[in-house]
Amino acid sequence: RVSHDNIKDHQSQIDIESGDDTSHEFQAKF
């Protein structure tokens, strides 16, 4: 899965999306 993520940390009151905000996820179960 490839995704565009936006995360807001209420403790720091900032959006965590600096730089490349593209995430890559890989899952393998056997």
mmCIF file of all heavy atoms, coordinates in Angstrom:
data_MODEL
# 
_entry.id   MODEL 
# 
loop_
_atom_site.group_PDB 
_atom_site.id 
_atom_site.type_symbol 
_atom_site.label_atom_id 
_atom_site.label_alt_id 
_atom_site.label_comp_id 
_atom_site.label_asym_id 
_atom_site.label_entity_id 
_atom_site.label_seq_id 
_atom_site.pdbx_PDB_ins_code 
_atom_site.Cartn_x 
_atom_site.Cartn_y 
_atom_site.Cartn_z 
_atom_site.occupancy 
_atom_site.B_iso_or_equiv 
_atom_site.pdbx_formal_charge 
_atom_site.auth_seq_id 
_atom_site.auth_comp_id 
_atom_site.auth_asym_id 
_atom_site.auth_atom_id 
_atom_site.pdbx_PDB_model_num 
ATOM 1   N N   . ARG A 1 1  ? 0.844  -1.196  0.000  1.00 0.00 ? 1  ARG A N   1 
ATOM 2   C CA  . ARG A 1 1  ? 0.000  0.000   0.000  1.00 0.00 ? 1  ARG A CA  1 
ATOM 3   C C   . ARG A 1 1  ? 0.879  1.245   0.000  1.00 0.00 ? 1  ARG A C   1 
ATOM 4   O O   . ARG A 1 1  ? 1.858  1.327   0.755  1.00 0.00 ? 1  ARG A O   1 
ATOM 5   C CB  . ARG A 1 1  ? -0.909 0.013   1.232  1.00 0.00 ? 1  ARG A CB  1 
ATOM 6   C CG  . ARG A 1 1  ? -1.844 1.233   1.331  1.00 0.00 ? 1  ARG A CG  1 
ATOM 7   C CD  . ARG A 1 1  ? -2.766 1.091   2.535  1.00 0.00 ? 1  ARG A CD  1 
ATOM 8   N NE  . ARG A 1 1  ? -3.717 2.184   2.624  1.00 0.00 ? 1  ARG A NE  1 
ATOM 9   C CZ  . ARG A 1 1  ? -3.541 3.292   3.335  1.00 0.00 ? 1  ARG A CZ  1 
ATOM 10  N NH1 . ARG A 1 1  ? -2.420 3.452   4.042  1.00 0.00 ? 1  ARG A NH1 1 
ATOM 11  N NH2 . ARG A 1 1  ? -4.463 4.238   3.358  1.00 0.00 ? 1  ARG A NH2 1 
ATOM 12  N N   . VAL A 1 2  ? 0.528  2.185   -0.854 1.00 0.00 ? 2  VAL A N   1 
ATOM 13  C CA  . VAL A 1 2  ? 1.192  3.477   -0.866 1.00 0.00 ? 2  VAL A CA  1 
ATOM 14  C C   . VAL A 1 2  ? 0.128  4.516   -0.546 1.00 0.00 ? 2  VAL A C   1 
ATOM 15  O O   . VAL A 1 2  ? -0.994 4.455   -1.054 1.00 0.00 ? 2  VAL A O   1 
ATOM 16  C CB  . VAL A 1 2  ? 1.869  3.756   -2.226 1.00 0.00 ? 2  VAL A CB  1 
ATOM 17  C CG1 . VAL A 1 2  ? 0.864  3.700   -3.365 1.00 0.00 ? 2  VAL A CG1 1 
ATOM 18  C CG2 . VAL A 1 2  ? 2.591  5.091   -2.195 1.00 0.00 ? 2  VAL A CG2 1 
ATOM 19  N N   . SER A 1 3  ? 0.466  5.479   0.336  1.00 0.00 ? 3  SER A N   1 
ATOM 20  C CA  . SER A 1 3  ? -0.561 6.400   0.807  1.00 0.00 ? 3  SER A CA  1 
ATOM 21  C C   . SER A 1 3  ? 0.009  7.785   1.085  1.00 0.00 ? 3  SER A C   1 
ATOM 22  O O   . SER A 1 3  ? 1.213  7.972   1.284  1.00 0.00 ? 3  SER A O   1 
ATOM 23  C CB  . SER A 1 3  ? -1.218 5.852   2.078  1.00 0.00 ? 3  SER A CB  1 
ATOM 24  O OG  . SER A 1 3  ? -0.259 5.751   3.124  1.00 0.00 ? 3  SER A OG  1 
ATOM 25  N N   . HIS A 1 4  ? -0.880 8.755   1.101  1.00 0.00 ? 4  HIS A N   1 
ATOM 26  C CA  . HIS A 1 4  ? -0.582 10.113  1.544  1.00 0.00 ? 4  HIS A CA  1 
ATOM 27  C C   . HIS A 1 4  ? -1.184 10.265  2.934  1.00 0.00 ? 4  HIS A C   1 
ATOM 28  O O   . HIS A 1 4  ? -2.391 10.146  3.116  1.00 0.00 ? 4  HIS A O   1 
ATOM 29  C CB  . HIS A 1 4  ? -1.188 11.136  0.579  1.00 0.00 ? 4  HIS A CB  1 
ATOM 30  C CG  . HIS A 1 4  ? -1.051 12.550  1.056  1.00 0.00 ? 4  HIS A CG  1 
ATOM 31  N ND1 . HIS A 1 4  ? 0.043  13.333  0.732  1.00 0.00 ? 4  HIS A ND1 1 
ATOM 32  C CD2 . HIS A 1 4  ? -1.857 13.326  1.828  1.00 0.00 ? 4  HIS A CD2 1 
ATOM 33  C CE1 . HIS A 1 4  ? -0.111 14.526  1.289  1.00 0.00 ? 4  HIS A CE1 1 
ATOM 34  N NE2 . HIS A 1 4  ? -1.254 14.539  1.957  1.00 0.00 ? 4  HIS A NE2 1 
ATOM 35  N N   . ASP A 1 5  ? -0.352 10.510  3.952  1.00 0.00 ? 5  ASP A N   1 
ATOM 36  C CA  . ASP A 1 5  ? -0.793 10.558  5.342  1.00 0.00 ? 5  ASP A CA  1 
ATOM 37  C C   . ASP A 1 5  ? -0.661 11.969  5.904  1.00 0.00 ? 5  ASP A C   1 
ATOM 38  O O   . ASP A 1 5  ? 0.305  12.688  5.610  1.00 0.00 ? 5  ASP A O   1 
ATOM 39  C CB  . ASP A 1 5  ? 0.035  9.599   6.214  1.00 0.00 ? 5  ASP A CB  1 
ATOM 40  C CG  . ASP A 1 5  ? -0.100 8.155   5.765  1.00 0.00 ? 5  ASP A CG  1 
ATOM 41  O OD1 . ASP A 1 5  ? -1.124 7.832   5.141  1.00 0.00 ? 5  ASP A OD1 1 
ATOM 42  O OD2 . ASP A 1 5  ? 0.827  7.371   6.030  1.00 0.00 ? 5  ASP A OD2 1 
ATOM 43  N N   . ASN A 1 6  ? -1.618 12.319  6.724  1.00 0.00 ? 6  ASN A N   1 
ATOM 44  C CA  . ASN A 1 6  ? -1.568 13.574  7.461  1.00 0.00 ? 6  ASN A CA  1 
ATOM 45  C C   . ASN A 1 6  ? -1.860 13.270  8.915  1.00 0.00 ? 6  ASN A C   1 
ATOM 46  O O   . ASN A 1 6  ? -2.909 12.710  9.244  1.00 0.00 ? 6  ASN A O   1 
ATOM 47  C CB  . ASN A 1 6  ? -2.595 14.571  6.905  1.00 0.00 ? 6  ASN A CB  1 
ATOM 48  C CG  . ASN A 1 6  ? -2.559 15.890  7.666  1.00 0.00 ? 6  ASN A CG  1 
ATOM 49  O OD1 . ASN A 1 6  ? -3.235 16.029  8.681  1.00 0.00 ? 6  ASN A OD1 1 
ATOM 50  N ND2 . ASN A 1 6  ? -1.776 16.839  7.182  1.00 0.00 ? 6  ASN A ND2 1 
ATOM 51  N N   . ILE A 1 7  ? -0.919 13.592  9.792  1.00 0.00 ? 7  ILE A N   1 
ATOM 52  C CA  . ILE A 1 7  ? -1.043 13.275  11.213 1.00 0.00 ? 7  ILE A CA  1 
ATOM 53  C C   . ILE A 1 7  ? -0.903 14.560  12.017 1.00 0.00 ? 7  ILE A C   1 
ATOM 54  O O   . ILE A 1 7  ? 0.065  15.322  11.832 1.00 0.00 ? 7  ILE A O   1 
ATOM 55  C CB  . ILE A 1 7  ? 0.039  12.268  11.663 1.00 0.00 ? 7  ILE A CB  1 
ATOM 56  C CG1 . ILE A 1 7  ? 0.027  11.035  10.758 1.00 0.00 ? 7  ILE A CG1 1 
ATOM 57  C CG2 . ILE A 1 7  ? -0.170 11.869  13.112 1.00 0.00 ? 7  ILE A CG2 1 
ATOM 58  C CD1 . ILE A 1 7  ? 1.231  10.142  10.943 1.00 0.00 ? 7  ILE A CD1 1 
ATOM 59  N N   . LYS A 1 8  ? -1.833 14.804  12.908 1.00 0.00 ? 8  LYS A N   1 
ATOM 60  C CA  . LYS A 1 8  ? -1.781 15.986  13.760 1.00 0.00 ? 8  LYS A CA  1 
ATOM 61  C C   . LYS A 1 8  ? -1.596 15.558  15.202 1.00 0.00 ? 8  LYS A C   1 
ATOM 62  O O   . LYS A 1 8  ? -2.409 14.826  15.751 1.00 0.00 ? 8  LYS A O   1 
ATOM 63  C CB  . LYS A 1 8  ? -3.053 16.820  13.631 1.00 0.00 ? 8  LYS A CB  1 
ATOM 64  C CG  . LYS A 1 8  ? -3.012 18.109  14.454 1.00 0.00 ? 8  LYS A CG  1 
ATOM 65  C CD  . LYS A 1 8  ? -4.234 18.967  14.205 1.00 0.00 ? 8  LYS A CD  1 
ATOM 66  C CE  . LYS A 1 8  ? -4.144 20.278  14.984 1.00 0.00 ? 8  LYS A CE  1 
ATOM 67  N NZ  . LYS A 1 8  ? -5.313 21.150  14.729 1.00 0.00 ? 8  LYS A NZ  1 
ATOM 68  N N   . ASP A 1 9  ? -0.494 16.008  15.800 1.00 0.00 ? 9  ASP A N   1 
ATOM 69  C CA  . ASP A 1 9  ? -0.186 15.713  17.196 1.00 0.00 ? 9  ASP A CA  1 
ATOM 70  C C   . ASP A 1 9  ? -0.746 16.849  18.050 1.00 0.00 ? 9  ASP A C   1 
ATOM 71  O O   . ASP A 1 9  ? -0.276 17.983  17.997 1.00 0.00 ? 9  ASP A O   1 
ATOM 72  C CB  . ASP A 1 9  ? 1.332  15.596  17.374 1.00 0.00 ? 9  ASP A CB  1 
ATOM 73  C CG  . ASP A 1 9  ? 1.703  15.121  18.772 1.00 0.00 ? 9  ASP A CG  1 
ATOM 74  O OD1 . ASP A 1 9  ? 0.922  15.342  19.712 1.00 0.00 ? 9  ASP A OD1 1 
ATOM 75  O OD2 . ASP A 1 9  ? 2.781  14.518  18.904 1.00 0.00 ? 9  ASP A OD2 1 
ATOM 76  N N   . HIS A 1 10 ? -1.779 16.530  18.856 1.00 0.00 ? 10 HIS A N   1 
ATOM 77  C CA  . HIS A 1 10 ? -2.423 17.576  19.660 1.00 0.00 ? 10 HIS A CA  1 
ATOM 78  C C   . HIS A 1 10 ? -1.520 18.072  20.789 1.00 0.00 ? 10 HIS A C   1 
ATOM 79  O O   . HIS A 1 10 ? -1.710 19.172  21.301 1.00 0.00 ? 10 HIS A O   1 
ATOM 80  C CB  . HIS A 1 10 ? -3.742 17.051  20.232 1.00 0.00 ? 10 HIS A CB  1 
ATOM 81  C CG  . HIS A 1 10 ? -4.828 16.969  19.207 1.00 0.00 ? 10 HIS A CG  1 
ATOM 82  N ND1 . HIS A 1 10 ? -5.766 17.944  19.024 1.00 0.00 ? 10 HIS A ND1 1 
ATOM 83  C CD2 . HIS A 1 10 ? -5.089 16.006  18.282 1.00 0.00 ? 10 HIS A CD2 1 
ATOM 84  C CE1 . HIS A 1 10 ? -6.583 17.593  18.042 1.00 0.00 ? 10 HIS A CE1 1 
ATOM 85  N NE2 . HIS A 1 10 ? -6.192 16.421  17.573 1.00 0.00 ? 10 HIS A NE2 1 
ATOM 86  N N   . GLN A 1 11 ? -0.564 17.237  21.193 1.00 0.00 ? 11 GLN A N   1 
ATOM 87  C CA  . GLN A 1 11 ? 0.340  17.672  22.260 1.00 0.00 ? 11 GLN A CA  1 
ATOM 88  C C   . GLN A 1 11 ? 1.251  18.793  21.765 1.00 0.00 ? 11 GLN A C   1 
ATOM 89  O O   . GLN A 1 11 ? 1.482  19.791  22.435 1.00 0.00 ? 11 GLN A O   1 
ATOM 90  C CB  . GLN A 1 11 ? 1.183  16.489  22.743 1.00 0.00 ? 11 GLN A CB  1 
ATOM 91  C CG  . GLN A 1 11 ? 2.078  16.852  23.927 1.00 0.00 ? 11 GLN A CG  1 
ATOM 92  C CD  . GLN A 1 11 ? 2.876  15.654  24.402 1.00 0.00 ? 11 GLN A CD  1 
ATOM 93  O OE1 . GLN A 1 11 ? 2.887  14.620  23.761 1.00 0.00 ? 11 GLN A OE1 1 
ATOM 94  N NE2 . GLN A 1 11 ? 3.512  15.794  25.542 1.00 0.00 ? 11 GLN A NE2 1 
ATOM 95  N N   . SER A 1 12 ? 1.728  18.664  20.498 1.00 0.00 ? 12 SER A N   1 
ATOM 96  C CA  . SER A 1 12 ? 2.602  19.701  19.948 1.00 0.00 ? 12 SER A CA  1 
ATOM 97  C C   . SER A 1 12 ? 1.844  20.703  19.096 1.00 0.00 ? 12 SER A C   1 
ATOM 98  O O   . SER A 1 12 ? 2.393  21.714  18.682 1.00 0.00 ? 12 SER A O   1 
ATOM 99  C CB  . SER A 1 12 ? 3.703  19.047  19.101 1.00 0.00 ? 12 SER A CB  1 
ATOM 100 O OG  . SER A 1 12 ? 3.110  18.305  18.049 1.00 0.00 ? 12 SER A OG  1 
ATOM 101 N N   . GLN A 1 13 ? 0.554  20.388  18.807 1.00 0.00 ? 13 GLN A N   1 
ATOM 102 C CA  . GLN A 1 13 ? -0.304 21.270  18.009 1.00 0.00 ? 13 GLN A CA  1 
ATOM 103 C C   . GLN A 1 13 ? 0.288  21.544  16.623 1.00 0.00 ? 13 GLN A C   1 
ATOM 104 O O   . GLN A 1 13 ? 0.201  22.638  16.097 1.00 0.00 ? 13 GLN A O   1 
ATOM 105 C CB  . GLN A 1 13 ? -0.539 22.603  18.749 1.00 0.00 ? 13 GLN A CB  1 
ATOM 106 C CG  . GLN A 1 13 ? -1.333 22.458  20.027 1.00 0.00 ? 13 GLN A CG  1 
ATOM 107 C CD  . GLN A 1 13 ? -2.741 21.958  19.762 1.00 0.00 ? 13 GLN A CD  1 
ATOM 108 O OE1 . GLN A 1 13 ? -3.421 22.452  18.886 1.00 0.00 ? 13 GLN A OE1 1 
ATOM 109 N NE2 . GLN A 1 13 ? -3.148 20.957  20.516 1.00 0.00 ? 13 GLN A NE2 1 
ATOM 110 N N   . ILE A 1 14 ? 0.921  20.527  16.033 1.00 0.00 ? 14 ILE A N   1 
ATOM 111 C CA  . ILE A 1 14 ? 1.469  20.688  14.687 1.00 0.00 ? 14 ILE A CA  1 
ATOM 112 C C   . ILE A 1 14 ? 1.041  19.505  13.830 1.00 0.00 ? 14 ILE A C   1 
ATOM 113 O O   . ILE A 1 14 ? 0.707  18.424  14.335 1.00 0.00 ? 14 ILE A O   1 
ATOM 114 C CB  . ILE A 1 14 ? 3.014  20.783  14.702 1.00 0.00 ? 14 ILE A CB  1 
ATOM 115 C CG1 . ILE A 1 14 ? 3.634  19.477  15.274 1.00 0.00 ? 14 ILE A CG1 1 
ATOM 116 C CG2 . ILE A 1 14 ? 3.478  21.994  15.490 1.00 0.00 ? 14 ILE A CG2 1 
ATOM 117 C CD1 . ILE A 1 14 ? 5.127  19.437  15.122 1.00 0.00 ? 14 ILE A CD1 1 
ATOM 118 N N   . ASP A 1 15 ? 1.035  19.753  12.531 1.00 0.00 ? 15 ASP A N   1 
ATOM 119 C CA  . ASP A 1 15 ? 0.795  18.675  11.591 1.00 0.00 ? 15 ASP A CA  1 
ATOM 120 C C   . ASP A 1 15 ? 2.124  18.009  11.272 1.00 0.00 ? 15 ASP A C   1 
ATOM 121 O O   . ASP A 1 15 ? 3.108  18.679  10.961 1.00 0.00 ? 15 ASP A O   1 
ATOM 122 C CB  . ASP A 1 15 ? 0.189  19.202  10.288 1.00 0.00 ? 15 ASP A CB  1 
ATOM 123 C CG  . ASP A 1 15 ? -1.241 19.672  10.506 1.00 0.00 ? 15 ASP A CG  1 
ATOM 124 O OD1 . ASP A 1 15 ? -1.821 19.282  11.535 1.00 0.00 ? 15 ASP A OD1 1 
ATOM 125 O OD2 . ASP A 1 15 ? -1.750 20.411  9.645  1.00 0.00 ? 15 ASP A OD2 1 
ATOM 126 N N   . ILE A 1 16 ? 2.118  16.689  11.341 1.00 0.00 ? 16 ILE A N   1 
ATOM 127 C CA  . ILE A 1 16 ? 3.349  15.949  11.069 1.00 0.00 ? 16 ILE A CA  1 
ATOM 128 C C   . ILE A 1 16 ? 3.333  15.560  9.601  1.00 0.00 ? 16 ILE A C   1 
ATOM 129 O O   . ILE A 1 16 ? 2.892  14.484  9.220  1.00 0.00 ? 16 ILE A O   1 
ATOM 130 C CB  . ILE A 1 16 ? 3.468  14.711  11.978 1.00 0.00 ? 16 ILE A CB  1 
ATOM 131 C CG1 . ILE A 1 16 ? 3.297  15.116  13.434 1.00 0.00 ? 16 ILE A CG1 1 
ATOM 132 C CG2 . ILE A 1 16 ? 4.790  14.016  11.770 1.00 0.00 ? 16 ILE A CG2 1 
ATOM 133 C CD1 . ILE A 1 16 ? 3.271  13.943  14.382 1.00 0.00 ? 16 ILE A CD1 1 
ATOM 134 N N   . GLU A 1 17 ? 3.744  16.462  8.720  1.00 0.00 ? 17 GLU A N   1 
ATOM 135 C CA  . GLU A 1 17 ? 3.771  16.160  7.295  1.00 0.00 ? 17 GLU A CA  1 
ATOM 136 C C   . GLU A 1 17 ? 4.924  16.881  6.604  1.00 0.00 ? 17 GLU A C   1 
ATOM 137 O O   . GLU A 1 17 ? 4.853  17.208  5.428  1.00 0.00 ? 17 GLU A O   1 
ATOM 138 C CB  . GLU A 1 17 ? 2.440  16.534  6.651  1.00 0.00 ? 17 GLU A CB  1 
ATOM 139 C CG  . GLU A 1 17 ? 2.009  17.970  6.869  1.00 0.00 ? 17 GLU A CG  1 
ATOM 140 C CD  . GLU A 1 17 ? 0.712  18.300  6.133  1.00 0.00 ? 17 GLU A CD  1 
ATOM 141 O OE1 . GLU A 1 17 ? 0.234  17.464  5.353  1.00 0.00 ? 17 GLU A OE1 1 
ATOM 142 O OE2 . GLU A 1 17 ? 0.186  19.398  6.338  1.00 0.00 ? 17 GLU A OE2 1 
ATOM 143 N N   . SER A 1 18 ? 5.942  17.155  7.376  1.00 0.00 ? 18 SER A N   1 
ATOM 144 C CA  . SER A 1 18 ? 7.104  17.807  6.794  1.00 0.00 ? 18 SER A CA  1 
ATOM 145 C C   . SER A 1 18 ? 7.832  16.842  5.871  1.00 0.00 ? 18 SER A C   1 
ATOM 146 O O   . SER A 1 18 ? 7.839  15.644  6.086  1.00 0.00 ? 18 SER A O   1 
ATOM 147 C CB  . SER A 1 18 ? 8.058  18.280  7.904  1.00 0.00 ? 18 SER A CB  1 
ATOM 148 O OG  . SER A 1 18 ? 8.459  17.190  8.680  1.00 0.00 ? 18 SER A OG  1 
ATOM 149 N N   . GLY A 1 19 ? 8.457  17.378  4.816  1.00 0.00 ? 19 GLY A N   1 
ATOM 150 C CA  . GLY A 1 19 ? 9.181  16.529  3.887  1.00 0.00 ? 19 GLY A CA  1 
ATOM 151 C C   . GLY A 1 19 ? 8.213  15.690  3.067  1.00 0.00 ? 19 GLY A C   1 
ATOM 152 O O   . GLY A 1 19 ? 7.109  16.103  2.737  1.00 0.00 ? 19 GLY A O   1 
ATOM 153 N N   . ASP A 1 20 ? 8.663  14.501  2.718  1.00 0.00 ? 20 ASP A N   1 
ATOM 154 C CA  . ASP A 1 20 ? 7.865  13.581  1.913  1.00 0.00 ? 20 ASP A CA  1 
ATOM 155 C C   . ASP A 1 20 ? 6.829  12.909  2.802  1.00 0.00 ? 20 ASP A C   1 
ATOM 156 O O   . ASP A 1 20 ? 7.167  12.172  3.721  1.00 0.00 ? 20 ASP A O   1 
ATOM 157 C CB  . ASP A 1 20 ? 8.792  12.533  1.285  1.00 0.00 ? 20 ASP A CB  1 
ATOM 158 C CG  . ASP A 1 20 ? 8.034  11.598  0.365  1.00 0.00 ? 20 ASP A CG  1 
ATOM 159 O OD1 . ASP A 1 20 ? 6.847  11.868  0.082  1.00 0.00 ? 20 ASP A OD1 1 
ATOM 160 O OD2 . ASP A 1 20 ? 8.639  10.604  -0.061 1.00 0.00 ? 20 ASP A OD2 1 
ATOM 161 N N   . ASP A 1 21 ? 5.539  13.152  2.562  1.00 0.00 ? 21 ASP A N   1 
ATOM 162 C CA  . ASP A 1 21 ? 4.489  12.572  3.390  1.00 0.00 ? 21 ASP A CA  1 
ATOM 163 C C   . ASP A 1 21 ? 3.888  11.327  2.746  1.00 0.00 ? 21 ASP A C   1 
ATOM 164 O O   . ASP A 1 21 ? 2.783  10.922  3.081  1.00 0.00 ? 21 ASP A O   1 
ATOM 165 C CB  . ASP A 1 21 ? 3.390  13.600  3.661  1.00 0.00 ? 21 ASP A CB  1 
ATOM 166 C CG  . ASP A 1 21 ? 2.786  14.138  2.364  1.00 0.00 ? 21 ASP A CG  1 
ATOM 167 O OD1 . ASP A 1 21 ? 3.262  13.736  1.292  1.00 0.00 ? 21 ASP A OD1 1 
ATOM 168 O OD2 . ASP A 1 21 ? 1.840  14.940  2.461  1.00 0.00 ? 21 ASP A OD2 1 
ATOM 169 N N   . THR A 1 22 ? 4.586  10.706  1.829  1.00 0.00 ? 22 THR A N   1 
ATOM 170 C CA  . THR A 1 22 ? 4.136  9.456   1.215  1.00 0.00 ? 22 THR A CA  1 
ATOM 171 C C   . THR A 1 22 ? 4.634  8.274   2.035  1.00 0.00 ? 22 THR A C   1 
ATOM 172 O O   . THR A 1 22 ? 5.820  8.179   2.348  1.00 0.00 ? 22 THR A O   1 
ATOM 173 C CB  . THR A 1 22 ? 4.660  9.331   -0.220 1.00 0.00 ? 22 THR A CB  1 
ATOM 174 O OG1 . THR A 1 22 ? 4.181  10.435  -0.983 1.00 0.00 ? 22 THR A OG1 1 
ATOM 175 C CG2 . THR A 1 22 ? 4.187  8.035   -0.847 1.00 0.00 ? 22 THR A CG2 1 
ATOM 176 N N   . SER A 1 23 ? 3.727  7.394   2.396  1.00 0.00 ? 23 SER A N   1 
ATOM 177 C CA  . SER A 1 23 ? 4.074  6.201   3.178  1.00 0.00 ? 23 SER A CA  1 
ATOM 178 C C   . SER A 1 23 ? 3.974  4.962   2.302  1.00 0.00 ? 23 SER A C   1 
ATOM 179 O O   . SER A 1 23 ? 3.131  4.878   1.405  1.00 0.00 ? 23 SER A O   1 
ATOM 180 C CB  . SER A 1 23 ? 3.137  6.054   4.382  1.00 0.00 ? 23 SER A CB  1 
ATOM 181 O OG  . SER A 1 23 ? 3.301  7.123   5.275  1.00 0.00 ? 23 SER A OG  1 
ATOM 182 N N   . HIS A 1 24 ? 4.838  3.992   2.610  1.00 0.00 ? 24 HIS A N   1 
ATOM 183 C CA  . HIS A 1 24 ? 4.820  2.710   1.919  1.00 0.00 ? 24 HIS A CA  1 
ATOM 184 C C   . HIS A 1 24 ? 4.662  1.614   2.968  1.00 0.00 ? 24 HIS A C   1 
ATOM 185 O O   . HIS A 1 24 ? 5.393  1.586   3.956  1.00 0.00 ? 24 HIS A O   1 
ATOM 186 C CB  . HIS A 1 24 ? 6.117  2.496   1.128  1.00 0.00 ? 24 HIS A CB  1 
ATOM 187 C CG  . HIS A 1 24 ? 6.351  3.557   0.094  1.00 0.00 ? 24 HIS A CG  1 
ATOM 188 N ND1 . HIS A 1 24 ? 5.898  3.471   -1.196 1.00 0.00 ? 24 HIS A ND1 1 
ATOM 189 C CD2 . HIS A 1 24 ? 7.000  4.761   0.190  1.00 0.00 ? 24 HIS A CD2 1 
ATOM 190 C CE1 . HIS A 1 24 ? 6.242  4.549   -1.865 1.00 0.00 ? 24 HIS A CE1 1 
ATOM 191 N NE2 . HIS A 1 24 ? 6.919  5.348   -1.053 1.00 0.00 ? 24 HIS A NE2 1 
ATOM 192 N N   . GLU A 1 25 ? 3.722  0.723   2.727  1.00 0.00 ? 25 GLU A N   1 
ATOM 193 C CA  . GLU A 1 25 ? 3.449  -0.347  3.687  1.00 0.00 ? 25 GLU A CA  1 
ATOM 194 C C   . GLU A 1 25 ? 3.488  -1.684  2.968  1.00 0.00 ? 25 GLU A C   1 
ATOM 195 O O   . GLU A 1 25 ? 2.893  -1.845  1.894  1.00 0.00 ? 25 GLU A O   1 
ATOM 196 C CB  . GLU A 1 25 ? 2.084  -0.143  4.341  1.00 0.00 ? 25 GLU A CB  1 
ATOM 197 C CG  . GLU A 1 25 ? 1.732  -1.201  5.378  1.00 0.00 ? 25 GLU A CG  1 
ATOM 198 C CD  . GLU A 1 25 ? 0.409  -0.904  6.062  1.00 0.00 ? 25 GLU A CD  1 
ATOM 199 O OE1 . GLU A 1 25 ? -0.230 0.116   5.712  1.00 0.00 ? 25 GLU A OE1 1 
ATOM 200 O OE2 . GLU A 1 25 ? 0.020  -1.685  6.941  1.00 0.00 ? 25 GLU A OE2 1 
ATOM 201 N N   . PHE A 1 26 ? 4.156  -2.644  3.582  1.00 0.00 ? 26 PHE A N   1 
ATOM 202 C CA  . PHE A 1 26 ? 4.237  -3.990  3.016  1.00 0.00 ? 26 PHE A CA  1 
ATOM 203 C C   . PHE A 1 26 ? 3.874  -5.009  4.089  1.00 0.00 ? 26 PHE A C   1 
ATOM 204 O O   . PHE A 1 26 ? 4.358  -4.936  5.218  1.00 0.00 ? 26 PHE A O   1 
ATOM 205 C CB  . PHE A 1 26 ? 5.647  -4.280  2.481  1.00 0.00 ? 26 PHE A CB  1 
ATOM 206 C CG  . PHE A 1 26 ? 5.800  -5.676  1.951  1.00 0.00 ? 26 PHE A CG  1 
ATOM 207 C CD1 . PHE A 1 26 ? 5.236  -6.041  0.738  1.00 0.00 ? 26 PHE A CD1 1 
ATOM 208 C CD2 . PHE A 1 26 ? 6.495  -6.634  2.674  1.00 0.00 ? 26 PHE A CD2 1 
ATOM 209 C CE1 . PHE A 1 26 ? 5.367  -7.330  0.249  1.00 0.00 ? 26 PHE A CE1 1 
ATOM 210 C CE2 . PHE A 1 26 ? 6.633  -7.925  2.196  1.00 0.00 ? 26 PHE A CE2 1 
ATOM 211 C CZ  . PHE A 1 26 ? 6.062  -8.272  0.972  1.00 0.00 ? 26 PHE A CZ  1 
ATOM 212 N N   . GLN A 1 27 ? 2.989  -5.959  3.714  1.00 0.00 ? 27 GLN A N   1 
ATOM 213 C CA  . GLN A 1 27 ? 2.580  -7.017  4.634  1.00 0.00 ? 27 GLN A CA  1 
ATOM 214 C C   . GLN A 1 27 ? 2.742  -8.365  3.937  1.00 0.00 ? 27 GLN A C   1 
ATOM 215 O O   . GLN A 1 27 ? 2.373  -8.511  2.765  1.00 0.00 ? 27 GLN A O   1 
ATOM 216 C CB  . GLN A 1 27 ? 1.125  -6.843  5.065  1.00 0.00 ? 27 GLN A CB  1 
ATOM 217 C CG  . GLN A 1 27 ? 0.831  -5.538  5.781  1.00 0.00 ? 27 GLN A CG  1 
ATOM 218 C CD  . GLN A 1 27 ? -0.635 -5.398  6.140  1.00 0.00 ? 27 GLN A CD  1 
ATOM 219 O OE1 . GLN A 1 27 ? -1.360 -6.372  6.219  1.00 0.00 ? 27 GLN A OE1 1 
ATOM 220 N NE2 . GLN A 1 27 ? -1.068 -4.169  6.339  1.00 0.00 ? 27 GLN A NE2 1 
ATOM 221 N N   . ALA A 1 28 ? 3.250  -9.325  4.672  1.00 0.00 ? 28 ALA A N   1 
ATOM 222 C CA  . ALA A 1 28 ? 3.403  -10.684 4.139  1.00 0.00 ? 28 ALA A CA  1 
ATOM 223 C C   . ALA A 1 28 ? 3.119  -11.673 5.264  1.00 0.00 ? 28 ALA A C   1 
ATOM 224 O O   . ALA A 1 28 ? 3.769  -11.628 6.314  1.00 0.00 ? 28 ALA A O   1 
ATOM 225 C CB  . ALA A 1 28 ? 4.810  -10.899 3.589  1.00 0.00 ? 28 ALA A CB  1 
ATOM 226 N N   . LYS A 1 29 ? 2.131  -12.521 5.036  1.00 0.00 ? 29 LYS A N   1 
ATOM 227 C CA  . LYS A 1 29 ? 1.799  -13.549 6.023  1.00 0.00 ? 29 LYS A CA  1 
ATOM 228 C C   . LYS A 1 29 ? 1.753  -14.892 5.310  1.00 0.00 ? 29 LYS A C   1 
ATOM 229 O O   . LYS A 1 29 ? 1.159  -15.024 4.234  1.00 0.00 ? 29 LYS A O   1 
ATOM 230 C CB  . LYS A 1 29 ? 0.448  -13.261 6.677  1.00 0.00 ? 29 LYS A CB  1 
ATOM 231 C CG  . LYS A 1 29 ? 0.071  -14.278 7.759  1.00 0.00 ? 29 LYS A CG  1 
ATOM 232 C CD  . LYS A 1 29 ? -1.208 -13.871 8.475  1.00 0.00 ? 29 LYS A CD  1 
ATOM 233 C CE  . LYS A 1 29 ? -1.603 -14.907 9.521  1.00 0.00 ? 29 LYS A CE  1 
ATOM 234 N NZ  . LYS A 1 29 ? -0.580 -15.042 10.580 1.00 0.00 ? 29 LYS A NZ  1 
ATOM 235 N N   . PHE A 1 30 ? 2.386  -15.889 5.932  1.00 0.00 ? 30 PHE A N   1 
ATOM 236 C CA  . PHE A 1 30 ? 2.457  -17.221 5.334  1.00 0.00 ? 30 PHE A CA  1 
ATOM 237 C C   . PHE A 1 30 ? 2.157  -18.271 6.392  1.00 0.00 ? 30 PHE A C   1 
ATOM 238 O O   . PHE A 1 30 ? 2.654  -18.199 7.518  1.00 0.00 ? 30 PHE A O   1 
ATOM 239 C CB  . PHE A 1 30 ? 3.849  -17.468 4.743  1.00 0.00 ? 30 PHE A CB  1 
ATOM 240 C CG  . PHE A 1 30 ? 4.064  -18.881 4.263  1.00 0.00 ? 30 PHE A CG  1 
ATOM 241 C CD1 . PHE A 1 30 ? 3.519  -19.303 3.053  1.00 0.00 ? 30 PHE A CD1 1 
ATOM 242 C CD2 . PHE A 1 30 ? 4.789  -19.788 5.022  1.00 0.00 ? 30 PHE A CD2 1 
ATOM 243 C CE1 . PHE A 1 30 ? 3.716  -20.600 2.607  1.00 0.00 ? 30 PHE A CE1 1 
ATOM 244 C CE2 . PHE A 1 30 ? 4.990  -21.085 4.589  1.00 0.00 ? 30 PHE A CE2 1 
ATOM 245 C CZ  . PHE A 1 30 ? 4.450  -21.492 3.373  1.00 0.00 ? 30 PHE A CZ  1 
# 
